[in-house]
Amino acid sequence: MAETALASHNMKMSLKEANDWVLKLLPRYEHVFTPDGNRGKRFDEVYDLKLSQPLDFWQKMYEDVRSELKSEGLKL
């Protein structure tokens, strides 16, 4: 989220442009905000606690989402 926010700032998006992105991305994530939604995973489930590095599956998910956002025009 921080990288996306920084990209929107660096791209000097207007509020309308940022809102357009939010509306574009919302369908992918809005199910999380329901009472029975996916609450995500704990830090210790996605990071190697000794190295403080993401586990392979978590890193891959991050890279996949990042690539997808870049292909849609977000300058990350």
Foldseek 3Di string as FASTA:
>chain_A
DVVLVVLCVVVVPDPVRVVVVCVVCCVVPVQQVDPPHDVDDDQVVQADVVVRHGDPVNVVVVVVVVVVVVVVPRDD
